[in-house]
PDB file of all heavy atoms in Angstrom:
ATOM      1  N   ASP A   1     -90.822  26.155-116.289  1.00  0.00           N
ATOM      2  CA  ASP A   1     -89.917  26.456-115.196  1.00  0.00           C
ATOM      3  C   ASP A   1     -89.716  25.158-114.426  1.00  0.00           C
ATOM      4  O   ASP A   1     -90.585  24.767-113.636  1.00  0.00           O
ATOM      5  CB  ASP A   1     -90.505  27.554-114.308  1.00  0.00           C
ATOM      6  CG  ASP A   1     -89.553  28.008-113.211  1.00  0.00           C
ATOM      7  OD1 ASP A   1     -88.650  27.231-112.846  1.00  0.00           O
ATOM      8  OD2 ASP A   1     -89.729  29.129-112.716  1.00  0.00           O
ATOM      9  N   ASN A   2     -88.613  24.493-114.683  1.00  0.00           N
ATOM     10  CA  ASN A   2     -88.384  23.189-114.055  1.00  0.00           C
ATOM     11  C   ASN A   2     -88.208  23.306-112.542  1.00  0.00           C
ATOM     12  O   ASN A   2     -88.500  22.367-111.807  1.00  0.00           O
ATOM     13  CB  ASN A   2     -87.176  22.518-114.676  1.00  0.00           C
ATOM     14  CG  ASN A   2     -87.430  22.042-116.089  1.00  0.00           C
ATOM     15  OD1 ASN A   2     -88.590  21.881-116.499  1.00  0.00           O
ATOM     16  ND2 ASN A   2     -86.369  21.839-116.847  1.00  0.00           N
ATOM     17  N   ALA A   3     -87.745  24.451-112.061  1.00  0.00           N
ATOM     18  CA  ALA A   3     -87.585  24.647-110.617  1.00  0.00           C
ATOM     19  C   ALA A   3     -88.938  24.707-109.915  1.00  0.00           C
ATOM     20  O   ALA A   3     -89.046  24.366-108.733  1.00  0.00           O
ATOM     21  CB  ALA A   3     -86.796  25.915-110.345  1.00  0.00           C
ATOM     22  N   LYS A   4     -89.965  25.136-110.645  1.00  0.00           N
ATOM     23  CA  LYS A   4     -91.310  25.240-110.069  1.00  0.00           C
ATOM     24  C   LYS A   4     -92.239  24.143-110.552  1.00  0.00           C
ATOM     25  O   LYS A   4     -93.423  24.143-110.218  1.00  0.00           O
ATOM     26  CB  LYS A   4     -91.917  26.605-110.402  1.00  0.00           C
ATOM     27  CG  LYS A   4     -91.172  27.773-109.782  1.00  0.00           C
ATOM     28  CD  LYS A   4     -91.858  29.087-110.115  1.00  0.00           C
ATOM     29  CE  LYS A   4     -91.143  30.261-109.440  1.00  0.00           C
ATOM     30  NZ  LYS A   4     -91.797  31.557-109.773  1.00  0.00           N
ATOM     31  N   ASN A   5     -91.724  23.215-111.367  1.00  0.00           N
ATOM     32  CA  ASN A   5     -92.554  22.133-111.918  1.00  0.00           C
ATOM     33  C   ASN A   5     -93.808  22.684-112.596  1.00  0.00           C
ATOM     34  O   ASN A   5     -94.906  22.135-112.444  1.00  0.00           O
ATOM     35  CB  ASN A   5     -92.950  21.132-110.823  1.00  0.00           C
ATOM     36  CG  ASN A   5     -91.799  20.271-110.362  1.00  0.00           C
ATOM     37  OD1 ASN A   5     -90.682  20.393-110.865  1.00  0.00           O
ATOM     38  ND2 ASN A   5     -92.047  19.415-109.396  1.00  0.00           N
ATOM     39  N   THR A   6     -93.619  23.748-113.361  1.00  0.00           N
ATOM     40  CA  THR A   6     -94.770  24.437-113.941  1.00  0.00           C
ATOM     41  C   THR A   6     -94.511  24.750-115.415  1.00  0.00           C
ATOM     42  O   THR A   6     -93.397  25.121-115.801  1.00  0.00           O
ATOM     43  CB  THR A   6     -95.057  25.747-113.176  1.00  0.00           C
ATOM     44  OG1 THR A   6     -95.340  25.429-111.805  1.00  0.00           O
ATOM     45  CG2 THR A   6     -96.247  26.481-113.768  1.00  0.00           C
ATOM     46  N   VAL A   7     -95.568  24.588-116.195  1.00  0.00           N
ATOM     47  CA  VAL A   7     -95.544  24.981-117.599  1.00  0.00           C
ATOM     48  C   VAL A   7     -96.586  26.085-117.789  1.00  0.00           C
ATOM     49  O   VAL A   7     -97.635  26.071-117.143  1.00  0.00           O
ATOM     50  CB  VAL A   7     -95.804  23.782-118.535  1.00  0.00           C
ATOM     51  CG1 VAL A   7     -97.177  23.163-118.306  1.00  0.00           C
ATOM     52  CG2 VAL A   7     -95.622  24.176-119.996  1.00  0.00           C
ATOM     53  N   TYR A   8     -96.254  27.020-118.658  1.00  0.00           N
ATOM     54  CA  TYR A   8     -97.116  28.185-118.884  1.00  0.00           C
ATOM     55  C   TYR A   8     -97.536  28.263-120.343  1.00  0.00           C
ATOM     56  O   TYR A   8     -96.847  27.763-121.234  1.00  0.00           O
ATOM     57  CB  TYR A   8     -96.368  29.465-118.524  1.00  0.00           C
ATOM     58  CG  TYR A   8     -95.815  29.503-117.113  1.00  0.00           C
ATOM     59  CD1 TYR A   8     -94.493  29.163-116.856  1.00  0.00           C
ATOM     60  CD2 TYR A   8     -96.636  29.865-116.043  1.00  0.00           C
ATOM     61  CE1 TYR A   8     -93.992  29.184-115.559  1.00  0.00           C
ATOM     62  CE2 TYR A   8     -96.135  29.895-114.752  1.00  0.00           C
ATOM     63  CZ  TYR A   8     -94.811  29.559-114.509  1.00  0.00           C
ATOM     64  OH  TYR A   8     -94.318  29.578-113.229  1.00  0.00           O
ATOM     65  N   LEU A   9     -98.653  28.924-120.568  1.00  0.00           N
ATOM     66  CA  LEU A   9     -99.076  29.275-121.913  1.00  0.00           C
ATOM     67  C   LEU A   9     -99.513  30.727-121.882  1.00  0.00           C
ATOM     68  O   LEU A   9    -100.563  31.049-121.320  1.00  0.00           O
ATOM     69  CB  LEU A   9    -100.215  28.379-122.407  1.00  0.00           C
ATOM     70  CG  LEU A   9    -100.617  28.612-123.856  1.00  0.00           C
ATOM     71  CD1 LEU A   9     -99.497  28.171-124.805  1.00  0.00           C
ATOM     72  CD2 LEU A   9    -101.915  27.865-124.191  1.00  0.00           C
ATOM     73  N   GLN A  10     -98.697  31.582-122.461  1.00  0.00           N
ATOM     74  CA  GLN A  10     -99.045  32.988-122.591  1.00  0.00           C
ATOM     75  C   GLN A  10     -99.836  33.153-123.871  1.00  0.00           C
ATOM     76  O   GLN A  10     -99.361  32.802-124.960  1.00  0.00           O
ATOM     77  CB  GLN A  10     -97.787  33.858-122.626  1.00  0.00           C
ATOM     78  CG  GLN A  10     -98.067  35.326-122.821  1.00  0.00           C
ATOM     79  CD  GLN A  10     -98.774  35.963-121.645  1.00  0.00           C
ATOM     80  OE1 GLN A  10     -98.430  35.728-120.495  1.00  0.00           O
ATOM     81  NE2 GLN A  10     -99.785  36.777-121.937  1.00  0.00           N
ATOM     82  N   MET A  11    -101.045  33.671-123.745  1.00  0.00           N
ATOM     83  CA  MET A  11    -101.939  33.811-124.893  1.00  0.00           C
ATOM     84  C   MET A  11    -102.245  35.286-125.105  1.00  0.00           C
ATOM     85  O   MET A  11    -102.843  35.930-124.233  1.00  0.00           O
ATOM     86  CB  MET A  11    -103.232  33.031-124.653  1.00  0.00           C
ATOM     87  CG  MET A  11    -102.998  31.565-124.337  1.00  0.00           C
ATOM     88  SD  MET A  11    -104.530  30.601-124.217  1.00  0.00           S
ATOM     89  CE  MET A  11    -105.277  31.365-122.782  1.00  0.00           C
ATOM     90  N   ASN A  12    -101.823  35.797-126.241  1.00  0.00           N
ATOM     91  CA  ASN A  12    -102.057  37.193-126.595  1.00  0.00           C
ATOM     92  C   ASN A  12    -102.951  37.282-127.829  1.00  0.00           C
ATOM     93  O   ASN A  12    -103.126  36.299-128.548  1.00  0.00           O
ATOM     94  CB  ASN A  12    -100.732  37.897-126.867  1.00  0.00           C
ATOM     95  CG  ASN A  12     -99.805  37.923-125.673  1.00  0.00           C
ATOM     96  OD1 ASN A  12    -100.255  37.973-124.525  1.00  0.00           O
ATOM     97  ND2 ASN A  12     -98.516  37.875-125.921  1.00  0.00           N
ATOM     98  N   SER A  13    -103.487  38.457-128.055  1.00  0.00           N
ATOM     99  CA  SER A  13    -104.337  38.701-129.233  1.00  0.00           C
ATOM    100  C   SER A  13    -105.396  37.618-129.363  1.00  0.00           C
ATOM    101  O   SER A  13    -105.608  37.049-130.445  1.00  0.00           O
ATOM    102  CB  SER A  13    -103.480  38.764-130.500  1.00  0.00           C
ATOM    103  OG  SER A  13    -102.495  39.765-130.398  1.00  0.00           O
ATOM    104  N   LEU A  14    -106.070  37.341-128.286  1.00  0.00           N
ATOM    105  CA  LEU A  14    -107.050  36.251-128.270  1.00  0.00           C
ATOM    106  C   LEU A  14    -108.222  36.544-129.188  1.00  0.00           C
ATOM    107  O   LEU A  14    -108.660  37.694-129.342  1.00  0.00           O
ATOM    108  CB  LEU A  14    -107.522  36.002-126.851  1.00  0.00           C
ATOM    109  CG  LEU A  14    -106.520  35.208-126.001  1.00  0.00           C
ATOM    110  CD1 LEU A  14    -106.804  35.379-124.510  1.00  0.00           C
ATOM    111  CD2 LEU A  14    -106.567  33.733-126.376  1.00  0.00           C
ATOM    112  N   LYS A  15    -108.718  35.468-129.785  1.00  0.00           N
ATOM    113  CA  LYS A  15    -109.834  35.542-130.730  1.00  0.00           C
ATOM    114  C   LYS A  15    -110.988  34.691-130.201  1.00  0.00           C
ATOM    115  O   LYS A  15    -110.763  33.737-129.441  1.00  0.00           O
ATOM    116  CB  LYS A  15    -109.393  35.001-132.092  1.00  0.00           C
ATOM    117  CG  LYS A  15    -108.182  35.689-132.687  1.00  0.00           C
ATOM    118  CD  LYS A  15    -107.770  35.006-133.982  1.00  0.00           C
ATOM    119  CE  LYS A  15    -106.533  35.667-134.597  1.00  0.00           C
ATOM    120  NZ  LYS A  15    -106.136  34.996-135.860  1.00  0.00           N
ATOM    121  N   PRO A  16    -112.199  34.982-130.633  1.00  0.00           N
ATOM    122  CA  PRO A  16    -113.335  34.140-130.193  1.00  0.00           C
ATOM    123  C   PRO A  16    -113.121  32.657-130.504  1.00  0.00           C
ATOM    124  O   PRO A  16    -113.565  31.806-129.729  1.00  0.00           O
ATOM    125  CB  PRO A  16    -114.514  34.720-130.983  1.00  0.00           C
ATOM    126  CG  PRO A  16    -114.140  36.157-131.184  1.00  0.00           C
ATOM    127  CD  PRO A  16    -112.654  36.148-131.382  1.00  0.00           C
ATOM    128  N   GLU A  17    -112.442  32.358-131.580  1.00  0.00           N
ATOM    129  CA  GLU A  17    -112.211  30.951-131.934  1.00  0.00           C
ATOM    130  C   GLU A  17    -111.194  30.256-131.023  1.00  0.00           C
ATOM    131  O   GLU A  17    -110.979  29.051-131.135  1.00  0.00           O
ATOM    132  CB  GLU A  17    -111.773  30.816-133.405  1.00  0.00           C
ATOM    133  CG  GLU A  17    -110.616  31.702-133.814  1.00  0.00           C
ATOM    134  CD  GLU A  17    -111.091  32.992-134.480  1.00  0.00           C
ATOM    135  OE1 GLU A  17    -112.072  33.605-133.999  1.00  0.00           O
ATOM    136  OE2 GLU A  17    -110.454  33.380-135.495  1.00  0.00           O
ATOM    137  N   ASP A  18    -110.569  30.998-130.129  1.00  0.00           N
ATOM    138  CA  ASP A  18    -109.705  30.389-129.121  1.00  0.00           C
ATOM    139  C   ASP A  18    -110.507  29.866-127.927  1.00  0.00           C
ATOM    140  O   ASP A  18    -109.939  29.218-127.043  1.00  0.00           O
ATOM    141  CB  ASP A  18    -108.669  31.401-128.614  1.00  0.00           C
ATOM    142  CG  ASP A  18    -107.692  31.831-129.694  1.00  0.00           C
ATOM    143  OD1 ASP A  18    -107.236  30.970-130.470  1.00  0.00           O
ATOM    144  OD2 ASP A  18    -107.392  33.041-129.764  1.00  0.00           O
ATOM    145  N   THR A  19    -111.782  30.138-127.901  1.00  0.00           N
ATOM    146  CA  THR A  19    -112.632  29.671-126.812  1.00  0.00           C
ATOM    147  C   THR A  19    -112.650  28.148-126.766  1.00  0.00           C
ATOM    148  O   THR A  19    -112.942  27.492-127.764  1.00  0.00           O
ATOM    149  CB  THR A  19    -114.064  30.197-126.990  1.00  0.00           C
ATOM    150  OG1 THR A  19    -114.052  31.625-126.879  1.00  0.00           O
ATOM    151  CG2 THR A  19    -114.991  29.610-125.939  1.00  0.00           C
ATOM    152  N   ALA A  20    -112.306  27.608-125.618  1.00  0.00           N
ATOM    153  CA  ALA A  20    -112.220  26.159-125.460  1.00  0.00           C
ATOM    154  C   ALA A  20    -111.852  25.839-124.015  1.00  0.00           C
ATOM    155  O   ALA A  20    -111.507  26.737-123.240  1.00  0.00           O
ATOM    156  CB  ALA A  20    -111.171  25.568-126.388  1.00  0.00           C
ATOM    157  N   VAL A  21    -111.920  24.566-123.692  1.00  0.00           N
ATOM    158  CA  VAL A  21    -111.300  24.084-122.456  1.00  0.00           C
ATOM    159  C   VAL A  21    -109.860  23.723-122.795  1.00  0.00           C
ATOM    160  O   VAL A  21    -109.605  22.992-123.753  1.00  0.00           O
ATOM    161  CB  VAL A  21    -112.042  22.868-121.886  1.00  0.00           C
ATOM    162  CG1 VAL A  21    -111.337  22.360-120.622  1.00  0.00           C
ATOM    163  CG2 VAL A  21    -113.490  23.225-121.577  1.00  0.00           C
ATOM    164  N   TYR A  22    -108.931  24.258-122.019  1.00  0.00           N
ATOM    165  CA  TYR A  22    -107.509  24.035-122.254  1.00  0.00           C
ATOM    166  C   TYR A  22    -106.985  23.017-121.245  1.00  0.00           C
ATOM    167  O   TYR A  22    -107.203  23.157-120.031  1.00  0.00           O
ATOM    168  CB  TYR A  22    -106.745  25.347-122.138  1.00  0.00           C
ATOM    169  CG  TYR A  22    -106.904  26.221-123.353  1.00  0.00           C
ATOM    170  CD1 TYR A  22    -108.130  26.831-123.627  1.00  0.00           C
ATOM    171  CD2 TYR A  22    -105.863  26.420-124.254  1.00  0.00           C
ATOM    172  CE1 TYR A  22    -108.302  27.617-124.760  1.00  0.00           C
ATOM    173  CE2 TYR A  22    -106.026  27.209-125.386  1.00  0.00           C
ATOM    174  CZ  TYR A  22    -107.247  27.794-125.629  1.00  0.00           C
ATOM    175  OH  TYR A  22    -107.414  28.569-126.755  1.00  0.00           O
ATOM    176  N   TYR A  23    -106.287  22.024-121.762  1.00  0.00           N
ATOM    177  CA  TYR A  23    -105.776  20.928-120.949  1.00  0.00           C
ATOM    178  C   TYR A  23    -104.257  20.887-120.979  1.00  0.00           C
ATOM    179  O   TYR A  23    -103.641  21.050-122.040  1.00  0.00           O
ATOM    180  CB  TYR A  23    -106.296  19.589-121.463  1.00  0.00           C
ATOM    181  CG  TYR A  23    -107.789  19.419-121.392  1.00  0.00           C
ATOM    182  CD1 TYR A  23    -108.611  19.777-122.457  1.00  0.00           C
ATOM    183  CD2 TYR A  23    -108.386  18.874-120.255  1.00  0.00           C
ATOM    184  CE1 TYR A  23    -109.987  19.615-122.395  1.00  0.00           C
ATOM    185  CE2 TYR A  23    -109.761  18.707-120.190  1.00  0.00           C
ATOM    186  CZ  TYR A  23    -110.550  19.075-121.263  1.00  0.00           C
ATOM    187  OH  TYR A  23    -111.913  18.911-121.195  1.00  0.00           O
ATOM    188  N   CYS A  24    -103.687  20.612-119.848  1.00  0.00           N
ATOM    189  CA  CYS A  24    -102.254  20.398-119.718  1.00  0.00           C
ATOM    190  C   CYS A  24    -101.954  18.907-119.902  1.00  0.00           C
ATOM    191  O   CYS A  24    -102.725  18.054-119.442  1.00  0.00           O
ATOM    192  CB  CYS A  24    -101.823  20.868-118.328  1.00  0.00           C
ATOM    193  SG  CYS A  24    -100.089  20.646-117.935  1.00  0.00           S
ATOM    194  N   ASN A  25    -100.859  18.611-120.565  1.00  0.00           N
ATOM    195  CA  ASN A  25    -100.462  17.234-120.840  1.00  0.00           C
ATOM    196  C   ASN A  25     -98.984  17.051-120.521  1.00  0.00           C
ATOM    197  O   ASN A  25     -98.170  17.916-120.831  1.00  0.00           O
ATOM    198  CB  ASN A  25    -100.729  16.921-122.314  1.00  0.00           C
ATOM    199  CG  ASN A  25    -100.184  15.582-122.734  1.00  0.00           C
ATOM    200  OD1 ASN A  25     -99.035  15.447-123.150  1.00  0.00           O
ATOM    201  ND2 ASN A  25    -101.015  14.567-122.648  1.00  0.00           N
ATOM    202  N   ALA A  26     -98.676  15.939-119.876  1.00  0.00           N
ATOM    203  CA  ALA A  26     -97.287  15.567-119.596  1.00  0.00           C
ATOM    204  C   ALA A  26     -97.025  14.219-120.249  1.00  0.00           C
ATOM    205  O   ALA A  26     -97.817  13.277-120.075  1.00  0.00           O
ATOM    206  CB  ALA A  26     -97.042  15.484-118.097  1.00  0.00           C
ATOM    207  N   ARG A  27     -95.936  14.126-120.988  1.00  0.00           N
ATOM    208  CA  ARG A  27     -95.697  12.893-121.746  1.00  0.00           C
ATOM    209  C   ARG A  27     -94.232  12.498-121.673  1.00  0.00           C
ATOM    210  O   ARG A  27     -93.335  13.311-121.935  1.00  0.00           O
ATOM    211  CB  ARG A  27     -96.131  13.091-123.189  1.00  0.00           C
ATOM    212  CG  ARG A  27     -95.917  11.887-124.086  1.00  0.00           C
ATOM    213  CD  ARG A  27     -96.617  12.121-125.423  1.00  0.00           C
ATOM    214  NE  ARG A  27     -96.302  13.428-125.975  1.00  0.00           N
ATOM    215  CZ  ARG A  27     -95.228  13.692-126.688  1.00  0.00           C
ATOM    216  NH1 ARG A  27     -94.343  12.749-126.917  1.00  0.00           N
ATOM    217  NH2 ARG A  27     -95.010  14.907-127.171  1.00  0.00           N
ATOM    218  N   ASN A  28     -94.039  11.223-121.294  1.00  0.00           N
ATOM    219  CA  ASN A  28     -92.720  10.610-121.391  1.00  0.00           C
ATOM    220  C   ASN A  28     -93.018   9.183-121.817  1.00  0.00           C
ATOM    221  O   ASN A  28     -93.611   8.974-122.883  1.00  0.00           O
ATOM    222  CB  ASN A  28     -91.973  10.724-120.059  1.00  0.00           C
ATOM    223  CG  ASN A  28     -90.500  10.370-120.183  1.00  0.00           C
ATOM    224  OD1 ASN A  28     -90.129   9.577-121.041  1.00  0.00           O
ATOM    225  ND2 ASN A  28     -89.662  10.958-119.374  1.00  0.00           N
ATOM    226  N   PHE A  29     -92.668   8.196-121.027  1.00  0.00           N
ATOM    227  CA  PHE A  29     -93.138   6.852-121.343  1.00  0.00           C
ATOM    228  C   PHE A  29     -94.546   6.651-120.802  1.00  0.00           C
ATOM    229  O   PHE A  29     -95.231   5.704-121.161  1.00  0.00           O
ATOM    230  CB  PHE A  29     -92.174   5.805-120.770  1.00  0.00           C
ATOM    231  CG  PHE A  29     -91.965   5.891-119.301  1.00  0.00           C
ATOM    232  CD1 PHE A  29     -92.756   5.154-118.433  1.00  0.00           C
ATOM    233  CD2 PHE A  29     -90.984   6.704-118.781  1.00  0.00           C
ATOM    234  CE1 PHE A  29     -92.573   5.230-117.072  1.00  0.00           C
ATOM    235  CE2 PHE A  29     -90.777   6.792-117.418  1.00  0.00           C
ATOM    236  CZ  PHE A  29     -91.576   6.062-116.557  1.00  0.00           C
TER     237      PHE A  29
END
């Protein structure tokens, strides 16, 4: 949502192997 300067990750049907620390990344130059 560029108006809110926010990125989302909707995660469904989660599995034990999805367990982790999740990091947000922004990349341009």
